[in-house]
Amino acid sequence: MKTARLLVLLLIGLLVMVGGTAAQDDPPPESAPVYDDVPIFTLDYGGVERAYGLYLPSTYDAGTPAPLILALHGRFGSAKALHALSGLAALAEARGALLVYPETYGVFWNDGGHDALERREEPSDDAGFIGAVVRAVQADYAVDADQLFLIGYDSGGVMSYRLACEGVADFAGVAAVSALMWDFLLEACPPEEEASAAPLIILHGWRDPLYPFGGGPIESFGGDLSPVLLPWRMSVGDTLSYWNRLNGCAADPTAESASGALYHDCESGADLAYVGLARGGHDWFHAGDAYQLNRHGIEAMDVIDSFFFERESFALPEETLTDDAPRSWLVYVPPSYDPAQPTPAVVALHGRPGSASGMAAITDLNRVADAEGFIAVYPDGLNNEWNSIGDLIGATEQYPQDDVTFLKRLMDDLSVDLNLDRSRLYVTGFSNGGFMTMRLACSAADTFAAFASVGATFYPWLHTVCRENAPAPILLMHGTDDVSIPFDGVFQRDAAGTLHQVSLDVPGTLDYFVLRSQCQPSGVRSEFPASGATPGVRVFRFDYLGCVDDADVTFYLIVGGGHNWPGVPGVIGEEIAGTVTMDINAGEEIWAFFERHTLN
């Protein structure tokens, strides 16, 4: 079938276009269990409106001072995400504690690493803001000043180290989950003789790719800096040694487990505990049969509760060992999230080599989630890539993971704590993540309602699974000047040096999905007005008509565009990204396509 190819190659040409497709009505929401929620408040600090969440336990009594727990979310996260996914509401109810979730201004805490990590945003006075939030809560509620606790997850854990060492408050307990120290904290914190001790518990997976057990430099940093200049992730041993010295603990632990250590009776009176998970990764650790992924038998919330409130009897937990590879992801829940209402979610898959946080930055999808009210999910591929065809080409040793099953199970696990609308789950992907998106369009249309692939083309091996399943709505987007995934398709050399084409070209990819959805040979072509920000680049959209079972096909052709996410400049290096058109925003266009489709 050559229709789609002609529509692309003759985009300026003589196409006969007719009316558009009709939007589907959303089905009525299904009944759902009760999920935890946290109201969001704002506070003007330094002339900037900042946000925080505040959860009051049902037993709160204004006449009885209550413990106050500060909880800091991770990269690209939010107060509502951490509250829902951590289970801390149960701790608050059990202890009658107030839970406060300050939010970043941007995506990173000012943990001392902005210069070292070349973050794109200016640092904020987060320590001052957090102090202002505590004072605001103390002004309105009865707070026990002797029971101020601090919890940080992911980058929130790094910020917790800084707040603790600086002694911004007399914390009764500090917990860092899936975070070790960076070397820049040694400069951000006061000199050791002046730094503050703090009762500290660290929960950490030995297979954490972001904070490896042995530490080390970050793997990529601009491409040309000397390794000695790279920011260094401190090892488990170095992180523990630092806090051992601050807390005045003995060299040998009071108690040990297979992968943990407890230092009690330290000179400062501040205990130190390390709970290691030998098979764990980067995660807020959960236990229980409700979850399918990362089952290690340790519930982070329970461990923190015991260390904070039952320290004299605290015992190191034992891990349930498993051979399953740990998986990781980031979740952003917008402030408009209402757990009483099923909420759509968009899963965004990074390229290769890439990461969840990289995809969040490349797409700026949190901003679209705020505007449109969906949850954004950023999973990590194993070894920074996705297995879209490994099982189809006999490469299971190189790609042993089943990413289709992983992403389906991830939706199940997130549904334990978030009221996801299971009829409105969507997948988008960029580059290697775009290839994986095409695989899911053929293998997971029973879970996801629509798909959008940016900067990727079709692997012919996928046909073996595509032909076995019904077509699904899909949006494709590609630039004609893409140097990473060329418009003419991907070519690779074999061991003998012979060049082979391993993916279809863009017109062939479009042909495949138009044929798969049995669309009519005519459709609607439109050109977007030029914004003036990217001269010489033109953006066309093709909407194909009459596709069976509402399996719509839409194609965005970026003439002069490179390997990038349209509308979000400055994240990918120019040598790869090429020209980033500002005439459209890919995230906004993709959501407009997604919201027309629901899973039957």
Foldseek 3Di string as FASTA:
>chain_A
DCLLVCCVVQVVHDFDADDFDDFDDDDDFDFDDDFDFWAKDWDQDPNDIWIKTKDFAPPADQVDAAAEEEEEEAFPAFRGVCCLPQVCNVLCNVRRYMYMYTYDPHGAAPLQCCVQQVDPDDHDPVLVVVVVVVVVCVVPGRHDLLRYEYEYAHRGLSSQVLCQFQCSGQHLEYEYEAAFYKPSSCVSGDPLVPTAAAQYEYEHECAAPVQHQQKAFDPDGPPDDDRVSHIIRHHPVVRVVSNCSSQQFDPAFPDDDPPKGKTAPHPNRHIYIYAYQHQEYRDQDDEDPQADARHWRDRNSVLRSCCSPVVVPRDHDHTDDDPDHHWDKHKYAASVDDQSGAAEEEEEEEAPQDAQSLRCQQQVLNVVCNVPVHMYMRIADVNRAHPLCCVLPVNCVVVVDDVLVVVQSVVSNSVVRGRHRQFQYEYEYAHRSLSNQVSCQQVPCLRHQEYEYEHDFYFPSSVVRNVVDAGHAYEYEYECAAPPQHQQADWDADPVRDIDGGGHHNSVRLVVNCVRQVFDSHHDKDWFDAPPPFPPKTKMKTWTHDGPPPRTYMYIYIYQWYRGQAQNPDSDDCVRGPDRGNSDGNSVVVVVSSSSTTRD
